PDB file of N, CA and C in Angstrom:
ATOM      1  N   MET A   1      -7.080   4.824  17.145  1.00  0.00           N
ATOM      2  CA  MET A   1      -7.158   3.540  16.472  1.00  0.00           C
ATOM      3  C   MET A   1      -8.582   3.023  16.598  1.00  0.00           C
ATOM      4  N   ASN A   2      -9.119   2.548  15.496  1.00  0.00           N
ATOM      5  CA  ASN A   2     -10.488   2.053  15.460  1.00  0.00           C
ATOM      6  C   ASN A   2     -10.460   0.525  15.505  1.00  0.00           C
ATOM      7  N   VAL A   3     -10.285  -0.005  16.721  1.00  0.00           N
ATOM      8  CA  VAL A   3     -10.145  -1.456  16.902  1.00  0.00           C
ATOM      9  C   VAL A   3     -11.362  -2.222  16.399  1.00  0.00           C
ATOM     10  N   PRO A   4     -12.598  -1.783  16.706  1.00  0.00           N
ATOM     11  CA  PRO A   4     -13.748  -2.540  16.195  1.00  0.00           C
ATOM     12  C   PRO A   4     -13.760  -2.619  14.662  1.00  0.00           C
ATOM     13  N   ARG A   5     -13.400  -1.519  13.999  1.00  0.00           N
ATOM     14  CA  ARG A   5     -13.362  -1.528  12.533  1.00  0.00           C
ATOM     15  C   ARG A   5     -12.280  -2.485  12.036  1.00  0.00           C
ATOM     16  N   ILE A   6     -11.116  -2.442  12.649  1.00  0.00           N
ATOM     17  CA  ILE A   6     -10.034  -3.348  12.262  1.00  0.00           C
ATOM     18  C   ILE A   6     -10.468  -4.790  12.463  1.00  0.00           C
ATOM     19  N   ASP A   7     -11.104  -5.076  13.586  1.00  0.00           N
ATOM     20  CA  ASP A   7     -11.562  -6.444  13.853  1.00  0.00           C
ATOM     21  C   ASP A   7     -12.592  -6.897  12.819  1.00  0.00           C
ATOM     22  N   ARG A   8     -13.516  -6.008  12.451  1.00  0.00           N
ATOM     23  CA  ARG A   8     -14.508  -6.366  11.427  1.00  0.00           C
ATOM     24  C   ARG A   8     -13.838  -6.628  10.076  1.00  0.00           C
ATOM     25  N   LEU A   9     -12.872  -5.791   9.738  1.00  0.00           N
ATOM     26  CA  LEU A   9     -12.176  -5.978   8.462  1.00  0.00           C
ATOM     27  C   LEU A   9     -11.334  -7.250   8.470  1.00  0.00           C
ATOM     28  N   ARG A  10     -10.694  -7.547   9.601  1.00  0.00           N
ATOM     29  CA  ARG A  10      -9.936  -8.806   9.705  1.00  0.00           C
ATOM     30  C   ARG A  10     -10.872 -10.008   9.504  1.00  0.00           C
ATOM     31  N   ALA A  11     -12.050  -9.940  10.104  1.00  0.00           N
ATOM     32  CA  ALA A  11     -13.022 -11.028   9.954  1.00  0.00           C
ATOM     33  C   ALA A  11     -13.456 -11.149   8.498  1.00  0.00           C
ATOM     34  N   LEU A  12     -13.673 -10.023   7.839  1.00  0.00           N
ATOM     35  CA  LEU A  12     -14.058 -10.047   6.431  1.00  0.00           C
ATOM     36  C   LEU A  12     -12.959 -10.654   5.572  1.00  0.00           C
ATOM     37  N   VAL A  13     -11.717 -10.247   5.810  1.00  0.00           N
ATOM     38  CA  VAL A  13     -10.595 -10.796   5.049  1.00  0.00           C
ATOM     39  C   VAL A  13     -10.442 -12.286   5.319  1.00  0.00           C
ATOM     40  N   SER A  14     -10.647 -12.682   6.557  1.00  0.00           N
ATOM     41  CA  SER A  14     -10.563 -14.105   6.899  1.00  0.00           C
ATOM     42  C   SER A  14     -11.632 -14.908   6.164  1.00  0.00           C
ATOM     43  N   ALA A  15     -12.834 -14.356   6.084  1.00  0.00           N
ATOM     44  CA  ALA A  15     -13.937 -15.040   5.407  1.00  0.00           C
ATOM     45  C   ALA A  15     -13.807 -14.987   3.890  1.00  0.00           C
ATOM     46  N   GLN A  16     -13.208 -13.903   3.383  1.00  0.00           N
ATOM     47  CA  GLN A  16     -13.085 -13.709   1.934  1.00  0.00           C
ATOM     48  C   GLN A  16     -11.669 -13.236   1.594  1.00  0.00           C
ATOM     49  N   PRO A  17     -10.682 -14.108   1.712  1.00  0.00           N
ATOM     50  CA  PRO A  17      -9.294 -13.686   1.505  1.00  0.00           C
ATOM     51  C   PRO A  17      -8.996 -13.172   0.092  1.00  0.00           C
ATOM     52  N   GLY A  18      -9.839 -13.472  -0.857  1.00  0.00           N
ATOM     53  CA  GLY A  18      -9.634 -13.013  -2.224  1.00  0.00           C
ATOM     54  C   GLY A  18     -10.303 -11.692  -2.547  1.00  0.00           C
ATOM     55  N   ASP A  19     -10.893 -11.041  -1.542  1.00  0.00           N
ATOM     56  CA  ASP A  19     -11.561  -9.758  -1.748  1.00  0.00           C
ATOM     57  C   ASP A  19     -10.520  -8.644  -1.676  1.00  0.00           C
ATOM     58  N   ALA A  20     -10.127  -8.122  -2.827  1.00  0.00           N
ATOM     59  CA  ALA A  20      -9.067  -7.112  -2.893  1.00  0.00           C
ATOM     60  C   ALA A  20      -9.448  -5.864  -2.108  1.00  0.00           C
ATOM     61  N   ARG A  21     -10.682  -5.417  -2.239  1.00  0.00           N
ATOM     62  CA  ARG A  21     -11.090  -4.187  -1.542  1.00  0.00           C
ATOM     63  C   ARG A  21     -11.020  -4.340  -0.033  1.00  0.00           C
ATOM     64  N   ALA A  22     -11.418  -5.489   0.475  1.00  0.00           N
ATOM     65  CA  ALA A  22     -11.340  -5.713   1.921  1.00  0.00           C
ATOM     66  C   ALA A  22      -9.887  -5.633   2.381  1.00  0.00           C
ATOM     67  N   ARG A  23      -8.986  -6.178   1.586  1.00  0.00           N
ATOM     68  CA  ARG A  23      -7.556  -6.101   1.917  1.00  0.00           C
ATOM     69  C   ARG A  23      -7.079  -4.653   1.941  1.00  0.00           C
ATOM     70  N   TYR A  24      -7.512  -3.881   0.952  1.00  0.00           N
ATOM     71  CA  TYR A  24      -7.098  -2.482   0.862  1.00  0.00           C
ATOM     72  C   TYR A  24      -7.627  -1.682   2.051  1.00  0.00           C
ATOM     73  N   PHE A  25      -8.893  -1.871   2.380  1.00  0.00           N
ATOM     74  CA  PHE A  25      -9.480  -1.154   3.509  1.00  0.00           C
ATOM     75  C   PHE A  25      -8.794  -1.535   4.822  1.00  0.00           C
ATOM     76  N   LEU A  26      -8.516  -2.837   4.996  1.00  0.00           N
ATOM     77  CA  LEU A  26      -7.824  -3.276   6.203  1.00  0.00           C
ATOM     78  C   LEU A  26      -6.424  -2.679   6.256  1.00  0.00           C
ATOM     79  N   ALA A  27      -5.720  -2.691   5.140  1.00  0.00           N
ATOM     80  CA  ALA A  27      -4.366  -2.123   5.095  1.00  0.00           C
ATOM     81  C   ALA A  27      -4.389  -0.651   5.506  1.00  0.00           C
ATOM     82  N   ASN A  28      -5.362   0.096   5.006  1.00  0.00           N
ATOM     83  CA  ASN A  28      -5.451   1.514   5.358  1.00  0.00           C
ATOM     84  C   ASN A  28      -5.710   1.718   6.852  1.00  0.00           C
ATOM     85  N   GLU A  29      -6.564   0.914   7.422  1.00  0.00           N
ATOM     86  CA  GLU A  29      -6.833   1.026   8.861  1.00  0.00           C
ATOM     87  C   GLU A  29      -5.601   0.651   9.676  1.00  0.00           C
ATOM     88  N   LEU A  30      -4.895  -0.387   9.246  1.00  0.00           N
ATOM     89  CA  LEU A  30      -3.686  -0.792   9.964  1.00  0.00           C
ATOM     90  C   LEU A  30      -2.608   0.283   9.862  1.00  0.00           C
ATOM     91  N   PHE A  31      -2.504   0.914   8.702  1.00  0.00           N
ATOM     92  CA  PHE A  31      -1.539   2.000   8.537  1.00  0.00           C
ATOM     93  C   PHE A  31      -1.864   3.135   9.512  1.00  0.00           C
ATOM     94  N   ARG A  32      -3.128   3.507   9.577  1.00  0.00           N
ATOM     95  CA  ARG A  32      -3.538   4.573  10.503  1.00  0.00           C
ATOM     96  C   ARG A  32      -3.252   4.194  11.955  1.00  0.00           C
ATOM     97  N   ALA A  33      -3.321   2.907  12.247  1.00  0.00           N
ATOM     98  CA  ALA A  33      -3.050   2.421  13.596  1.00  0.00           C
ATOM     99  C   ALA A  33      -1.553   2.201  13.833  1.00  0.00           C
ATOM    100  N   GLU A  34      -0.751   2.562  12.836  1.00  0.00           N
ATOM    101  CA  GLU A  34       0.707   2.432  12.883  1.00  0.00           C
ATOM    102  C   GLU A  34       1.175   0.983  12.966  1.00  0.00           C
ATOM    103  N   ASP A  35       0.374   0.073  12.458  1.00  0.00           N
ATOM    104  CA  ASP A  35       0.785  -1.325  12.299  1.00  0.00           C
ATOM    105  C   ASP A  35       1.297  -1.452  10.866  1.00  0.00           C
ATOM    106  N   PHE A  36       2.521  -0.985  10.656  1.00  0.00           N
ATOM    107  CA  PHE A  36       3.051  -0.893   9.306  1.00  0.00           C
ATOM    108  C   PHE A  36       3.367  -2.253   8.695  1.00  0.00           C
ATOM    109  N   ALA A  37       3.750  -3.223   9.522  1.00  0.00           N
ATOM    110  CA  ALA A  37       3.983  -4.574   9.006  1.00  0.00           C
ATOM    111  C   ALA A  37       2.665  -5.187   8.532  1.00  0.00           C
ATOM    112  N   GLY A  38       1.619  -5.019   9.309  1.00  0.00           N
ATOM    113  CA  GLY A  38       0.307  -5.519   8.910  1.00  0.00           C
ATOM    114  C   GLY A  38      -0.207  -4.822   7.664  1.00  0.00           C
ATOM    115  N   ALA A  39      -0.018  -3.513   7.610  1.00  0.00           N
ATOM    116  CA  ALA A  39      -0.434  -2.757   6.428  1.00  0.00           C
ATOM    117  C   ALA A  39       0.298  -3.264   5.194  1.00  0.00           C
ATOM    118  N   ALA A  40       1.608  -3.458   5.308  1.00  0.00           N
ATOM    119  CA  ALA A  40       2.394  -3.941   4.165  1.00  0.00           C
ATOM    120  C   ALA A  40       1.916  -5.315   3.706  1.00  0.00           C
ATOM    121  N   GLU A  41       1.618  -6.186   4.648  1.00  0.00           N
ATOM    122  CA  GLU A  41       1.136  -7.535   4.312  1.00  0.00           C
ATOM    123  C   GLU A  41      -0.141  -7.458   3.465  1.00  0.00           C
ATOM    124  N   HIS A  42      -1.075  -6.649   3.891  1.00  0.00           N
ATOM    125  CA  HIS A  42      -2.359  -6.590   3.189  1.00  0.00           C
ATOM    126  C   HIS A  42      -2.279  -5.748   1.911  1.00  0.00           C
ATOM    127  N   LEU A  43      -1.380  -4.784   1.875  1.00  0.00           N
ATOM    128  CA  LEU A  43      -1.178  -4.044   0.627  1.00  0.00           C
ATOM    129  C   LEU A  43      -0.573  -4.953  -0.439  1.00  0.00           C
ATOM    130  N   ARG A  44       0.368  -5.784  -0.045  1.00  0.00           N
ATOM    131  CA  ARG A  44       0.940  -6.742  -1.009  1.00  0.00           C
ATOM    132  C   ARG A  44      -0.149  -7.664  -1.543  1.00  0.00           C
ATOM    133  N   ALA A  45      -0.994  -8.159  -0.643  1.00  0.00           N
ATOM    134  CA  ALA A  45      -2.090  -9.039  -1.071  1.00  0.00           C
ATOM    135  C   ALA A  45      -3.034  -8.291  -1.997  1.00  0.00           C
ATOM    136  N   TYR A  46      -3.357  -7.047  -1.662  1.00  0.00           N
ATOM    137  CA  TYR A  46      -4.227  -6.244  -2.511  1.00  0.00           C
ATOM    138  C   TYR A  46      -3.627  -6.107  -3.910  1.00  0.00           C
ATOM    139  N   ILE A  47      -2.359  -5.788  -3.988  1.00  0.00           N
ATOM    140  CA  ILE A  47      -1.701  -5.606  -5.289  1.00  0.00           C
ATOM    141  C   ILE A  47      -1.761  -6.891  -6.102  1.00  0.00           C
ATOM    142  N   GLU A  48      -1.553  -8.013  -5.453  1.00  0.00           N
ATOM    143  CA  GLU A  48      -1.636  -9.307  -6.149  1.00  0.00           C
ATOM    144  C   GLU A  48      -3.044  -9.555  -6.686  1.00  0.00           C
ATOM    145  N   LEU A  49      -4.031  -9.160  -5.916  1.00  0.00           N
ATOM    146  CA  LEU A  49      -5.429  -9.428  -6.271  1.00  0.00           C
ATOM    147  C   LEU A  49      -6.033  -8.382  -7.200  1.00  0.00           C
ATOM    148  N   SER A  50      -5.526  -7.165  -7.153  1.00  0.00           N
ATOM    149  CA  SER A  50      -6.176  -6.056  -7.858  1.00  0.00           C
ATOM    150  C   SER A  50      -6.035  -6.149  -9.368  1.00  0.00           C
ATOM    151  N   GLY A  51      -4.905  -6.612  -9.824  1.00  0.00           N
ATOM    152  CA  GLY A  51      -4.695  -6.791 -11.251  1.00  0.00           C
ATOM    153  C   GLY A  51      -4.579  -5.509 -12.051  1.00  0.00           C
ATOM    154  N   GLY A  52      -4.127  -4.423 -11.437  1.00  0.00           N
ATOM    155  CA  GLY A  52      -3.979  -3.260 -12.284  1.00  0.00           C
ATOM    156  C   GLY A  52      -3.675  -1.953 -11.634  1.00  0.00           C
ATOM    157  N   ASP A  53      -4.604  -1.068 -11.643  1.00  0.00           N
ATOM    158  CA  ASP A  53      -4.427   0.324 -11.277  1.00  0.00           C
ATOM    159  C   ASP A  53      -4.158   0.441  -9.776  1.00  0.00           C
ATOM    160  N   ASP A  54      -2.899   0.260  -9.390  1.00  0.00           N
ATOM    161  CA  ASP A  54      -2.582   0.172  -7.970  1.00  0.00           C
ATOM    162  C   ASP A  54      -1.433   1.079  -7.540  1.00  0.00           C
ATOM    163  N   GLY A  55      -1.270   2.196  -8.230  1.00  0.00           N
ATOM    164  CA  GLY A  55      -0.225   3.152  -7.865  1.00  0.00           C
ATOM    165  C   GLY A  55      -0.368   3.671  -6.449  1.00  0.00           C
ATOM    166  N   ALA A  56      -1.600   3.951  -6.027  1.00  0.00           N
ATOM    167  CA  ALA A  56      -1.832   4.455  -4.664  1.00  0.00           C
ATOM    168  C   ALA A  56      -1.476   3.392  -3.627  1.00  0.00           C
ATOM    169  N   ALA A  57      -1.736   2.142  -3.943  1.00  0.00           N
ATOM    170  CA  ALA A  57      -1.376   1.060  -3.018  1.00  0.00           C
ATOM    171  C   ALA A  57       0.142   0.954  -2.901  1.00  0.00           C
ATOM    172  N   TYR A  58       0.846   1.126  -4.017  1.00  0.00           N
ATOM    173  CA  TYR A  58       2.307   1.114  -3.961  1.00  0.00           C
ATOM    174  C   TYR A  58       2.835   2.286  -3.132  1.00  0.00           C
ATOM    175  N   ARG A  59       2.174   3.445  -3.204  1.00  0.00           N
ATOM    176  CA  ARG A  59       2.578   4.589  -2.371  1.00  0.00           C
ATOM    177  C   ARG A  59       2.461   4.208  -0.898  1.00  0.00           C
ATOM    178  N   SER A  60       1.327   3.657  -0.506  1.00  0.00           N
ATOM    179  CA  SER A  60       1.126   3.261   0.891  1.00  0.00           C
ATOM    180  C   SER A  60       2.091   2.156   1.298  1.00  0.00           C
ATOM    181  N   LEU A  61       2.355   1.238   0.377  1.00  0.00           N
ATOM    182  CA  LEU A  61       3.311   0.168   0.667  1.00  0.00           C
ATOM    183  C   LEU A  61       4.696   0.753   0.901  1.00  0.00           C
ATOM    184  N   GLY A  62       5.107   1.677   0.041  1.00  0.00           N
ATOM    185  CA  GLY A  62       6.408   2.313   0.213  1.00  0.00           C
ATOM    186  C   GLY A  62       6.503   3.061   1.536  1.00  0.00           C
ATOM    187  N   LEU A  63       5.453   3.788   1.881  1.00  0.00           N
ATOM    188  CA  LEU A  63       5.450   4.512   3.153  1.00  0.00           C
ATOM    189  C   LEU A  63       5.518   3.546   4.333  1.00  0.00           C
ATOM    190  N   SER A  64       4.831   2.421   4.226  1.00  0.00           N
ATOM    191  CA  SER A  64       4.892   1.403   5.289  1.00  0.00           C
ATOM    192  C   SER A  64       6.308   0.875   5.430  1.00  0.00           C
ATOM    193  N   PHE A  65       6.925   0.550   4.303  1.00  0.00           N
ATOM    194  CA  PHE A  65       8.303   0.047   4.347  1.00  0.00           C
ATOM    195  C   PHE A  65       9.259   1.088   4.925  1.00  0.00           C
ATOM    196  N   GLU A  66       9.064   2.353   4.560  1.00  0.00           N
ATOM    197  CA  GLU A  66       9.925   3.395   5.128  1.00  0.00           C
ATOM    198  C   GLU A  66       9.821   3.401   6.643  1.00  0.00           C
ATOM    199  N   ARG A  67       8.619   3.329   7.157  1.00  0.00           N
ATOM    200  CA  ARG A  67       8.423   3.376   8.601  1.00  0.00           C
ATOM    201  C   ARG A  67       8.965   2.134   9.298  1.00  0.00           C
ATOM    202  N   LEU A  68       9.122   1.060   8.529  1.00  0.00           N
ATOM    203  CA  LEU A  68       9.719  -0.162   9.065  1.00  0.00           C
ATOM    204  C   LEU A  68      11.236  -0.180   8.904  1.00  0.00           C
ATOM    205  N   GLY A  69      11.788   0.884   8.310  1.00  0.00           N
ATOM    206  CA  GLY A  69      13.232   0.955   8.094  1.00  0.00           C
ATOM    207  C   GLY A  69      13.722   0.128   6.927  1.00  0.00           C
ATOM    208  N   ARG A  70      12.822  -0.205   6.014  1.00  0.00           N
ATOM    209  CA  ARG A  70      13.155  -1.057   4.860  1.00  0.00           C
ATOM    210  C   ARG A  70      13.239  -0.188   3.602  1.00  0.00           C
ATOM    211  N   SER A  71      14.304   0.586   3.517  1.00  0.00           N
ATOM    212  CA  SER A  71      14.449   1.582   2.457  1.00  0.00           C
ATOM    213  C   SER A  71      14.474   0.977   1.060  1.00  0.00           C
ATOM    214  N   GLU A  72      15.168  -0.123   0.883  1.00  0.00           N
ATOM    215  CA  GLU A  72      15.236  -0.735  -0.454  1.00  0.00           C
ATOM    216  C   GLU A  72      13.867  -1.211  -0.911  1.00  0.00           C
ATOM    217  N   ASP A  73      13.115  -1.810   0.003  1.00  0.00           N
ATOM    218  CA  ASP A  73      11.762  -2.255  -0.342  1.00  0.00           C
ATOM    219  C   ASP A  73      10.859  -1.054  -0.638  1.00  0.00           C
ATOM    220  N   ALA A  74      11.045   0.029   0.110  1.00  0.00           N
ATOM    221  CA  ALA A  74      10.260   1.238  -0.128  1.00  0.00           C
ATOM    222  C   ALA A  74      10.571   1.799  -1.512  1.00  0.00           C
ATOM    223  N   ALA A  75      11.844   1.877  -1.857  1.00  0.00           N
ATOM    224  CA  ALA A  75      12.233   2.397  -3.173  1.00  0.00           C
ATOM    225  C   ALA A  75      11.645   1.535  -4.282  1.00  0.00           C
ATOM    226  N   ASP A  76      11.675   0.222  -4.101  1.00  0.00           N
ATOM    227  CA  ASP A  76      11.111  -0.685  -5.107  1.00  0.00           C
ATOM    228  C   ASP A  76       9.608  -0.453  -5.250  1.00  0.00           C
ATOM    229  N   ALA A  77       8.912  -0.263  -4.122  1.00  0.00           N
ATOM    230  CA  ALA A  77       7.466  -0.005  -4.176  1.00  0.00           C
ATOM    231  C   ALA A  77       7.183   1.301  -4.902  1.00  0.00           C
ATOM    232  N   TYR A  78       7.961   2.331  -4.620  1.00  0.00           N
ATOM    233  CA  TYR A  78       7.755   3.613  -5.300  1.00  0.00           C
ATOM    234  C   TYR A  78       7.993   3.477  -6.804  1.00  0.00           C
ATOM    235  N   ARG A  79       9.025   2.756  -7.197  1.00  0.00           N
ATOM    236  CA  ARG A  79       9.302   2.573  -8.629  1.00  0.00           C
ATOM    237  C   ARG A  79       8.151   1.841  -9.328  1.00  0.00           C
ATOM    238  N   LYS A  80       7.662   0.790  -8.690  1.00  0.00           N
ATOM    239  CA  LYS A  80       6.536   0.054  -9.265  1.00  0.00           C
ATOM    240  C   LYS A  80       5.284   0.925  -9.302  1.00  0.00           C
ATOM    241  N   GLY A  81       5.115   1.738  -8.281  1.00  0.00           N
ATOM    242  CA  GLY A  81       3.977   2.647  -8.249  1.00  0.00           C
ATOM    243  C   GLY A  81       4.034   3.669  -9.367  1.00  0.00           C
ATOM    244  N   ILE A  82       5.223   4.175  -9.665  1.00  0.00           N
ATOM    245  CA  ILE A  82       5.390   5.121 -10.768  1.00  0.00           C
ATOM    246  C   ILE A  82       4.980   4.462 -12.076  1.00  0.00           C
ATOM    247  N   GLU A  83       5.457   3.253 -12.299  1.00  0.00           N
ATOM    248  CA  GLU A  83       5.101   2.521 -13.525  1.00  0.00           C
ATOM    249  C   GLU A  83       3.589   2.335 -13.627  1.00  0.00           C
ATOM    250  N   SER A  84       2.973   1.922 -12.543  1.00  0.00           N
ATOM    251  CA  SER A  84       1.532   1.689 -12.543  1.00  0.00           C
ATOM    252  C   SER A  84       0.768   2.992 -12.780  1.00  0.00           C
ATOM    253  N   ALA A  85       1.184   4.040 -12.088  1.00  0.00           N
ATOM    254  CA  ALA A  85       0.497   5.327 -12.235  1.00  0.00           C
ATOM    255  C   ALA A  85       0.583   5.826 -13.673  1.00  0.00           C
ATOM    256  N   LEU A  86       1.753   5.754 -14.270  1.00  0.00           N
ATOM    257  CA  LEU A  86       1.915   6.212 -15.656  1.00  0.00           C
ATOM    258  C   LEU A  86       1.109   5.351 -16.616  1.00  0.00           C
ATOM    259  N   ALA A  87       1.074   4.052 -16.364  1.00  0.00           N
ATOM    260  CA  ALA A  87       0.334   3.140 -17.240  1.00  0.00           C
ATOM    261  C   ALA A  87      -1.168   3.424 -17.214  1.00  0.00           C
ATOM    262  N   HIS A  88      -1.639   4.037 -16.134  1.00  0.00           N
ATOM    263  CA  HIS A  88      -3.069   4.300 -15.993  1.00  0.00           C
ATOM    264  C   HIS A  88      -3.408   5.788 -16.078  1.00  0.00           C
ATOM    265  N   GLY A  89      -2.459   6.581 -16.579  1.00  0.00           N
ATOM    266  CA  GLY A  89      -2.726   7.993 -16.822  1.00  0.00           C
ATOM    267  C   GLY A  89      -2.801   8.868 -15.584  1.00  0.00           C
ATOM    268  N   HIS A  90      -2.149   8.449 -14.501  1.00  0.00           N
ATOM    269  CA  HIS A  90      -2.163   9.218 -13.252  1.00  0.00           C
ATOM    270  C   HIS A  90      -0.832   9.959 -13.096  1.00  0.00           C
ATOM    271  N   ASP A  91      -0.638  10.969 -13.903  1.00  0.00           N
ATOM    272  CA  ASP A  91       0.625  11.696 -13.905  1.00  0.00           C
ATOM    273  C   ASP A  91       0.910  12.375 -12.567  1.00  0.00           C
ATOM    274  N   GLY A  92      -0.122  12.906 -11.928  1.00  0.00           N
ATOM    275  CA  GLY A  92       0.063  13.556 -10.632  1.00  0.00           C
ATOM    276  C   GLY A  92       0.565  12.583  -9.579  1.00  0.00           C
ATOM    277  N   LEU A  93      -0.027  11.398  -9.543  1.00  0.00           N
ATOM    278  CA  LEU A  93       0.406  10.366  -8.604  1.00  0.00           C
ATOM    279  C   LEU A  93       1.834   9.935  -8.920  1.00  0.00           C
ATOM    280  N   ALA A  94       2.148   9.786 -10.199  1.00  0.00           N
ATOM    281  CA  ALA A  94       3.513   9.415 -10.581  1.00  0.00           C
ATOM    282  C   ALA A  94       4.508  10.459 -10.086  1.00  0.00           C
ATOM    283  N   GLY A  95       4.151  11.737 -10.211  1.00  0.00           N
ATOM    284  CA  GLY A  95       5.012  12.806  -9.718  1.00  0.00           C
ATOM    285  C   GLY A  95       5.195  12.750  -8.212  1.00  0.00           C
ATOM    286  N   GLU A  96       4.114  12.470  -7.510  1.00  0.00           N
ATOM    287  CA  GLU A  96       4.208  12.341  -6.048  1.00  0.00           C
ATOM    288  C   GLU A  96       5.133  11.195  -5.670  1.00  0.00           C
ATOM    289  N   LEU A  97       4.993  10.080  -6.361  1.00  0.00           N
ATOM    290  CA  LEU A  97       5.842   8.921  -6.083  1.00  0.00           C
ATOM    291  C   LEU A  97       7.303   9.214  -6.409  1.00  0.00           C
ATOM    292  N   ARG A  98       7.543   9.946  -7.494  1.00  0.00           N
ATOM    293  CA  ARG A  98       8.921  10.335  -7.819  1.00  0.00           C
ATOM    294  C   ARG A  98       9.517  11.175  -6.691  1.00  0.00           C
ATOM    295  N   GLY A  99       8.719  12.087  -6.136  1.00  0.00           N
ATOM    296  CA  GLY A  99       9.187  12.906  -5.030  1.00  0.00           C
ATOM    297  C   GLY A  99       9.522  12.071  -3.805  1.00  0.00           C
ATOM    298  N   LEU A 100       8.671  11.101  -3.485  1.00  0.00           N
ATOM    299  CA  LEU A 100       8.948  10.215  -2.354  1.00  0.00           C
ATOM    300  C   LEU A 100      10.222   9.414  -2.595  1.00  0.00           C
ATOM    301  N   LEU A 101      10.395   8.949  -3.829  1.00  0.00           N
ATOM    302  CA  LEU A 101      11.598   8.183  -4.158  1.00  0.00           C
ATOM    303  C   LEU A 101      12.842   9.057  -4.053  1.00  0.00           C
ATOM    304  N   GLU A 102      12.770  10.255  -4.570  1.00  0.00           N
ATOM    305  CA  GLU A 102      13.927  11.173  -4.488  1.00  0.00           C
ATOM    306  C   GLU A 102      14.263  11.507  -3.035  1.00  0.00           C
ATOM    307  N   ASP A 103      13.248  11.751  -2.222  1.00  0.00           N
ATOM    308  CA  ASP A 103      13.486  12.024  -0.803  1.00  0.00           C
ATOM    309  C   ASP A 103      14.158  10.838  -0.118  1.00  0.00           C
ATOM    310  N   LEU A 104      13.811   9.642  -0.551  1.00  0.00           N
ATOM    311  CA  LEU A 104      14.336   8.436   0.067  1.00  0.00           C
ATOM    312  C   LEU A 104      15.776   8.163  -0.340  1.00  0.00           C
ATOM    313  N   VAL A 105      16.046   8.264  -1.624  1.00  0.00           N
ATOM    314  CA  VAL A 105      17.378   7.864  -2.120  1.00  0.00           C
ATOM    315  C   VAL A 105      18.326   9.045  -2.312  1.00  0.00           C
ATOM    316  N   GLY A 106      17.798  10.231  -2.223  1.00  0.00           N
ATOM    317  CA  GLY A 106      18.651  11.422  -2.301  1.00  0.00           C
ATOM    318  C   GLY A 106      18.928  11.939  -3.638  1.00  0.00           C
TER     319      GLY A 106
END
């Protein structure tokens, strides 16, 4: 876990809460640190702020929810991620998300 990096990113998000990229970077660091609730919080904020091509963020959000035992929320994130990926021409990502969804719901 890279605590100094997480602390710097938290400070950046605190100073600039509307910076979508800072939220995304913080979410990724929190995910790596296995703080899945924190990752989900910042991924949701990123998605709200990003305004578009966020299929990869939905993948990470779904994975965070899975690790938190929130299967329905994970499935919803994967479905939204599929829609976003297809809307932006990311067929490979959409396929990956479909696989995660199928693994989750059977």
